[in-house]
Each structure stands twice: as structure tokens, then as C-alpha cells.
Protein backbone atom coordinates (compact mmCIF):
# COMPACT_ATOMS: atom_id res chain seq x y z
CA MET A 1 0.03 -0.13 -0.26
CA HIS A 2 1.36 3.24 -0.71
CA TRP A 3 0.77 5.60 2.25
CA TYR A 4 2.48 8.84 0.76
CA GLY A 5 -0.24 8.85 -2.05
CA ILE A 6 -3.31 7.96 0.07
CA ILE A 7 -2.15 10.29 2.44
CA ILE A 8 -1.63 13.52 0.32
CA ALA A 9 -4.98 12.44 -1.52
CA SER A 10 -6.55 12.39 1.89
CA GLY A 11 -5.50 16.06 2.73
CA VAL A 12 -6.56 17.48 -0.97
CA LEU A 13 -10.15 15.89 -0.43
CA LEU A 14 -10.42 17.33 3.01
CA ALA A 15 -9.39 20.29 1.38
CA VAL A 16 -11.62 20.23 -1.10
CA TYR A 17 -14.55 20.28 1.14
CA LEU A 18 -13.22 23.13 3.08
CA ALA A 19 -13.08 25.08 0.29
CA THR A 20 -16.77 24.61 -1.08
CA ARG A 21 -18.07 25.40 2.54
CA GLU A 22 -15.86 28.67 2.67
CA GLY A 23 -16.65 29.39 -0.78
CA ASN A 24 -20.50 28.73 -0.79
CA LYS A 25 -19.99 31.48 1.62
CA ARG A 26 -18.74 33.75 -0.30
CA GLY A 27 -20.62 33.27 -3.67
CA ILE A 28 -18.22 30.95 -5.32
CA LYS A 29 -20.14 27.85 -6.57
CA SER A 30 -19.04 24.22 -5.50
CA ASP A 31 -19.24 23.02 -8.78
CA ASP A 32 -16.70 25.59 -9.72
CA ILE A 33 -14.47 24.51 -7.30
CA TYR A 34 -14.56 21.15 -8.20
CA ASP A 35 -14.35 22.22 -11.69
CA MET A 36 -11.03 23.68 -10.91
CA ILE A 37 -9.59 21.35 -8.78
CA LEU A 38 -10.28 18.45 -11.80
CA TRP A 39 -7.56 21.21 -14.15
CA ALA A 40 -5.45 22.56 -11.10
CA LEU A 41 -4.55 18.84 -8.94
CA PRO A 42 -3.27 16.97 -11.98
CA ALA A 43 -1.08 20.78 -13.00
CA ALA A 44 0.07 20.51 -9.28
CA LEU A 45 1.44 17.28 -9.57
CA ILE A 46 3.13 17.49 -12.99
CA CYS A 47 4.66 20.85 -11.18
CA ALA A 48 6.10 19.11 -8.40
CA ARG A 49 7.60 16.43 -9.93
CA LEU A 50 9.01 18.79 -12.94
CA TYR A 51 10.53 21.02 -10.31
CA TYR A 52 12.01 18.63 -8.32
CA VAL A 53 13.09 16.59 -11.51
CA VAL A 54 14.84 19.57 -12.63
CA PHE A 55 17.12 20.34 -9.44
CA GLN A 56 17.92 16.74 -9.32
CA TRP A 57 18.72 16.15 -12.96
CA SER A 58 22.14 14.95 -12.31
CA TYR A 59 20.78 11.83 -11.18
CA TYR A 60 17.31 11.50 -13.25
CA LYS A 61 19.37 12.25 -16.52
CA ASP A 62 20.82 8.74 -15.83
CA ASN A 63 17.21 7.00 -14.76
CA PRO A 64 14.99 8.57 -16.83
CA GLY A 65 12.65 5.87 -16.41
CA GLU A 66 12.45 6.68 -12.43
CA ILE A 67 11.33 10.71 -13.18
CA ILE A 68 7.26 9.02 -13.14
CA LYS A 69 7.30 6.89 -9.72
CA ILE A 70 6.13 9.58 -8.06
CA TRP A 71 4.79 7.22 -5.76
CA ASP A 72 8.44 6.70 -4.47
CA GLY A 73 8.57 10.18 -3.15
CA GLY A 74 10.16 13.34 -4.60
CA ILE A 75 7.58 16.25 -5.00
CA ALA A 76 8.25 19.56 -4.34
CA ILE A 77 5.41 21.42 -2.71
CA TYR A 78 6.84 24.65 -4.13
CA GLY A 79 6.60 23.16 -7.43
CA SER A 80 3.03 22.31 -6.87
CA LEU A 81 2.05 25.36 -6.01
CA ILE A 82 3.30 26.93 -8.91
CA GLY A 83 1.53 25.11 -10.86
CA ALA A 84 -1.77 24.94 -9.25
CA MET A 85 -1.27 28.94 -9.01
CA ILE A 86 -1.32 29.23 -13.39
CA VAL A 87 -4.37 26.99 -13.30
CA VAL A 88 -5.85 29.09 -10.75
CA ILE A 89 -6.00 32.46 -12.61
CA LEU A 90 -6.50 30.98 -15.78
CA PHE A 91 -9.67 29.01 -14.99
CA CYS A 92 -11.17 31.90 -13.21
CA ARG A 93 -10.26 34.10 -16.04
CA HIS A 94 -12.25 32.03 -17.94
CA ARG A 95 -15.01 31.47 -15.62
CA PHE A 96 -14.98 35.16 -14.49
CA ILE A 97 -14.53 34.61 -10.81
CA PRO A 98 -12.73 37.33 -8.80
CA VAL A 99 -9.07 35.57 -8.67
CA TRP A 100 -8.15 37.06 -5.61
CA LEU A 101 -11.58 35.96 -3.90
CA MET A 102 -10.58 32.31 -5.14
CA LEU A 103 -7.37 32.18 -4.07
CA ASP A 104 -7.85 33.29 -0.23
CA VAL A 105 -11.14 30.46 0.19
CA ALA A 106 -8.22 27.79 -1.17
CA ALA A 107 -5.38 28.88 1.05
CA PRO A 108 -6.25 28.11 4.40
CA THR A 109 -7.12 24.36 3.23
CA VAL A 110 -4.24 24.13 1.19
CA LEU A 111 -2.53 24.60 4.45
CA LEU A 112 -4.30 21.93 6.21
CA ALA A 113 -3.45 19.33 2.85
CA GLN A 114 0.22 20.38 3.26
CA SER A 115 0.25 19.74 6.93
CA ILE A 116 -1.27 16.45 6.03
CA GLY A 117 0.64 15.97 3.00
CA ARG A 118 4.01 16.01 5.29
CA TRP A 119 2.90 13.29 7.01
CA GLY A 120 3.61 11.24 3.77
CA ASN A 121 7.18 12.38 3.99
CA PHE A 122 7.24 10.53 7.01
CA MET A 123 5.98 7.54 6.12
CA ASN A 124 8.76 7.15 3.75
CA GLN A 125 11.24 8.73 6.33
CA GLU A 126 12.17 11.49 3.99
CA ALA A 127 12.41 15.01 4.17
CA PHE A 128 14.13 14.19 7.30
CA GLY A 129 17.05 16.75 9.49
CA GLN A 130 20.65 16.05 10.22
CA ALA A 131 21.46 13.45 12.85
CA THR A 132 20.23 13.84 16.47
CA SER A 133 20.49 11.66 19.29
CA LEU A 134 17.56 9.17 20.98
CA SER A 135 17.68 11.50 24.33
CA PHE A 136 16.35 14.48 22.29
CA LEU A 137 13.48 13.08 20.72
CA GLN A 138 12.52 11.90 23.60
CA GLY A 139 12.72 15.16 24.99
CA LEU A 140 10.57 16.50 22.58
CA HIS A 141 7.67 13.98 24.22
CA LEU A 142 7.34 12.24 20.99
CA PRO A 143 5.36 9.02 20.69
CA PRO A 144 7.38 6.43 20.43
CA PHE A 145 6.22 5.40 16.69
CA ILE A 146 7.53 8.74 15.40
CA ILE A 147 10.94 8.13 17.01
CA HIS A 148 11.45 4.68 15.83
CA GLN A 149 10.65 6.08 12.54
CA MET A 150 13.50 8.56 12.42
CA PHE A 151 16.23 6.10 12.49
CA ILE A 152 17.75 6.39 9.43
CA SER A 153 20.53 5.35 7.70
CA GLY A 154 21.87 4.07 11.44
CA ALA A 155 21.28 7.62 12.89
CA TYR A 156 18.05 9.25 15.05
CA ARG A 157 17.34 12.06 12.32
CA GLN A 158 15.75 15.74 13.32
CA PRO A 159 11.86 15.50 12.37
CA THR A 160 11.50 18.45 10.14
CA PHE A 161 8.65 16.74 8.58
CA LEU A 162 6.75 16.94 12.00
CA TYR A 163 7.72 20.77 12.50
CA GLU A 164 6.65 21.92 9.18
CA SER A 165 3.43 19.71 9.82
CA LEU A 166 2.59 21.60 12.96
CA TRP A 167 3.77 24.90 11.56
CA SER A 168 1.63 24.55 8.77
CA LEU A 169 -1.53 23.07 11.07
CA LEU A 170 -1.17 26.03 13.28
CA GLY A 171 -1.10 28.51 10.45
CA PHE A 172 -4.51 27.31 9.15
CA LEU A 173 -5.76 27.26 12.47
CA VAL A 174 -4.58 30.93 13.33
CA ILE A 175 -6.09 31.97 9.61
CA ILE A 176 -9.43 30.34 9.68
CA SER A 177 -9.77 31.89 12.91
CA LEU A 178 -9.09 35.32 12.06
CA ARG A 179 -10.66 35.64 8.42
CA HIS A 180 -13.83 36.52 9.70
CA ASN A 181 -13.16 39.17 11.67
CA PRO A 182 -14.64 42.19 9.98
CA HIS A 183 -12.76 44.49 8.33
CA TRP A 184 -9.47 42.40 9.02
CA PHE A 185 -8.45 41.43 5.36
CA LYS A 186 -8.87 42.94 2.29
CA ARG A 187 -9.40 40.65 -0.80
CA GLY A 188 -6.24 38.55 -1.62
CA GLU A 189 -4.83 39.29 1.61
CA VAL A 190 -5.92 35.83 3.40
CA PHE A 191 -3.98 34.26 0.34
CA LEU A 192 -1.16 36.82 0.80
CA THR A 193 -1.04 35.79 4.50
CA TYR A 194 -0.97 32.08 4.13
CA VAL A 195 1.72 32.79 1.34
CA MET A 196 3.92 34.93 4.52
CA TRP A 197 3.38 32.46 7.25
CA TYR A 198 4.19 29.81 4.96
CA SER A 199 7.27 30.74 3.50
CA PHE A 200 8.20 31.92 6.88
CA GLY A 201 8.37 28.80 8.32
CA ARG A 202 9.48 27.00 5.70
CA PHE A 203 12.78 29.27 5.71
CA PHE A 204 13.59 27.53 9.00
CA VAL A 205 13.08 24.15 8.63
CA GLU A 206 14.72 23.73 5.26
CA GLY A 207 17.93 25.27 6.63
CA MET A 208 17.76 22.05 8.95
CA ARG A 209 17.24 18.98 6.40
CA THR A 210 20.02 16.99 5.02
CA ASP A 211 18.09 16.68 1.30
CA SER A 212 17.28 20.07 0.02
CA LEU A 213 17.50 20.55 -3.63
CA MET A 214 20.69 23.28 -4.41
CA LEU A 215 21.21 25.82 -6.77
CA GLY A 216 25.29 25.71 -6.09
CA ALA A 217 25.87 26.63 -2.55
CA LEU A 218 22.02 27.69 -1.70
CA ARG A 219 19.12 25.59 -0.89
CA VAL A 220 16.31 26.63 -3.25
CA SER A 221 13.34 26.55 -1.28
CA GLN A 222 15.19 29.08 1.40
CA ILE A 223 15.50 31.83 -1.69
CA LEU A 224 12.40 31.37 -3.06
CA SER A 225 11.16 31.44 0.99
CA ILE A 226 12.70 34.64 0.92
CA VAL A 227 11.32 36.26 -2.42
CA LEU A 228 7.38 34.87 -1.40
CA PHE A 229 7.47 36.61 1.97
CA VAL A 230 9.18 40.01 0.90
CA GLY A 231 6.94 39.29 -2.26
CA ALA A 232 3.58 38.77 -0.28
CA ILE A 233 4.37 41.76 1.71
CA CYS A 234 4.89 44.22 -0.65
CA LEU A 235 1.85 43.35 -2.57
CA VAL A 236 -0.29 43.88 0.74
CA VAL A 237 1.03 46.95 1.12
CA TYR A 238 0.30 48.07 -2.62
CA ARG A 239 -3.44 46.72 -2.88
CA ARG A 240 -3.78 48.16 0.60
CA ARG A 241 -3.65 51.64 -1.29
CA ASN A 242 -6.21 50.64 -3.44
CA PRO A 243 -9.16 52.14 -2.24
CA TYR A 244 -11.56 50.44 -4.15
CA ASN A 245 -10.07 47.06 -3.49
CA PRO A 246 -12.92 45.16 -1.34
CA TRP A 247 -13.25 43.24 1.99
CA TYR A 248 -12.72 39.57 2.01
CA LEU A 249 -16.15 38.96 3.68
CA GLU A 250 -17.91 41.14 1.03
CA GLY A 251 -17.59 37.82 -1.17
CA SER A 252 -18.17 38.23 -4.62
CA LYS A 253 -20.36 41.48 -4.63
CA LEU A 254 -17.39 43.37 -5.76
CA LYS A 255 -15.72 42.39 -8.96
């Protein structure tokens, strides 16, 4: 049984369910979200794999038959987000749905799906950190099954998958608890808050991992995290200057 795929699929299904509930409140039809997912999910998987393969090309150029084996791991979250983002923009333009509103509705549920998906890395014993001691892991009060699974290649490892999973879960809870407060978020700011939250945490977690995708001596995900964090802040400031940008809770009443 390929737990990696099952866990990711479970996260996606839960995200879609929650997104449709919120979308209905904001004036987005469930059918539009379902149709969008039918396009966005394949694009996300393909781009996630391509992103990983590109930065691991020194291996895959000699093993092309393994490029399609996503069930063995090796997909990059940032790649999936890029692919999904492109589809969302094109889809919303085609259906005349406000792009920022759709992104606001989907963003928190995507963060939850990412939190769940990291447990696929746990099952595959990947996305782990540097060697550590048994006493350190026990000091974190982790259940024995996690400690046991973190014994990899002859050493106990930092459970970086868990750090990112918990950070994403916390972000999901924070965002959904705040997004319905009147006059807190302008349209687009729920999504941009998600970008800032995830990229901030990912930067530090990435620094502890031993399997980072590299661009020379630099970690690709850390570079991208900085770009996304700064870019999201700049967009919030820029869009706040537009007095005609509606509040998130106005839903689709204003285009």
C-alpha cells in the first residue's frame, strides 16, 4: 500500500471539502471549485515532480525511467503551488471569478493539506533533518512510533517533517480563526497571509533538512521562501493603497 499517495489524497479531499463550504459563503459555486480542481490537481502534481526533477537532473538524466515514480516520493511543494496557481488564474479568468477571492478561499485549506501531506514524508522516511540523539527526540515527548521511524541510515534524525506539519497546522488554525473578523482582511490578504506564514516557517525548517534541492551552494527553497515572503508583504502594502479593493467578507459582490 502506497501510504504516501493515500495521505496526500486525503489532504486534498479534505481541502476541497472545506474550500467548497467557504466558497459557498463567499458566492463561489461548488461546481466551479470542483471543475477547477480537476485541472489544478494534475497540473500541481506534474509541476511538483518537474520542479524536483529539474533540480535533481544529475540523477534523473541517467535514470529517466524513474521520473514518473512519484509514489516513491520526490515531489516539491513549491512546484505544486506554482502549477496550481497558474491553473487557478487561467480558470478564474475563463469563468469570470475574482482570482484573489478564489485564492483567499483556497489558501487556508491548502495549508491544511500541506500539513497532512508531510506525513507522507514520514511514511517514506524522507524530508528529515540532521542526525540527533535518542534523548533529544525523547525530550520532545514524541510518541514511540515517530521516534522509531526517525531512525534512518544508522542514526536518529531531526523530524523536520513534523516541524513543518505542525507549523502549517498552526497557520491553518490562525488564519481560519481570523478571516471572518470584519475589516481584518482585504481581498487577497488571506492568501498573502498564507504565503507569508508558510514561507517564513519553511525557510527555517529547510535549513535543518539534509535533502534540500540545491542551486550551487544555496538551498532553492530558502531562496524562494525569501522571495515569496518579501513579495507577499509588498503586495499587501500595494493593494492596501487601492481604496476600491473590497474586504474579503464582501465575497463576490464586488468584482
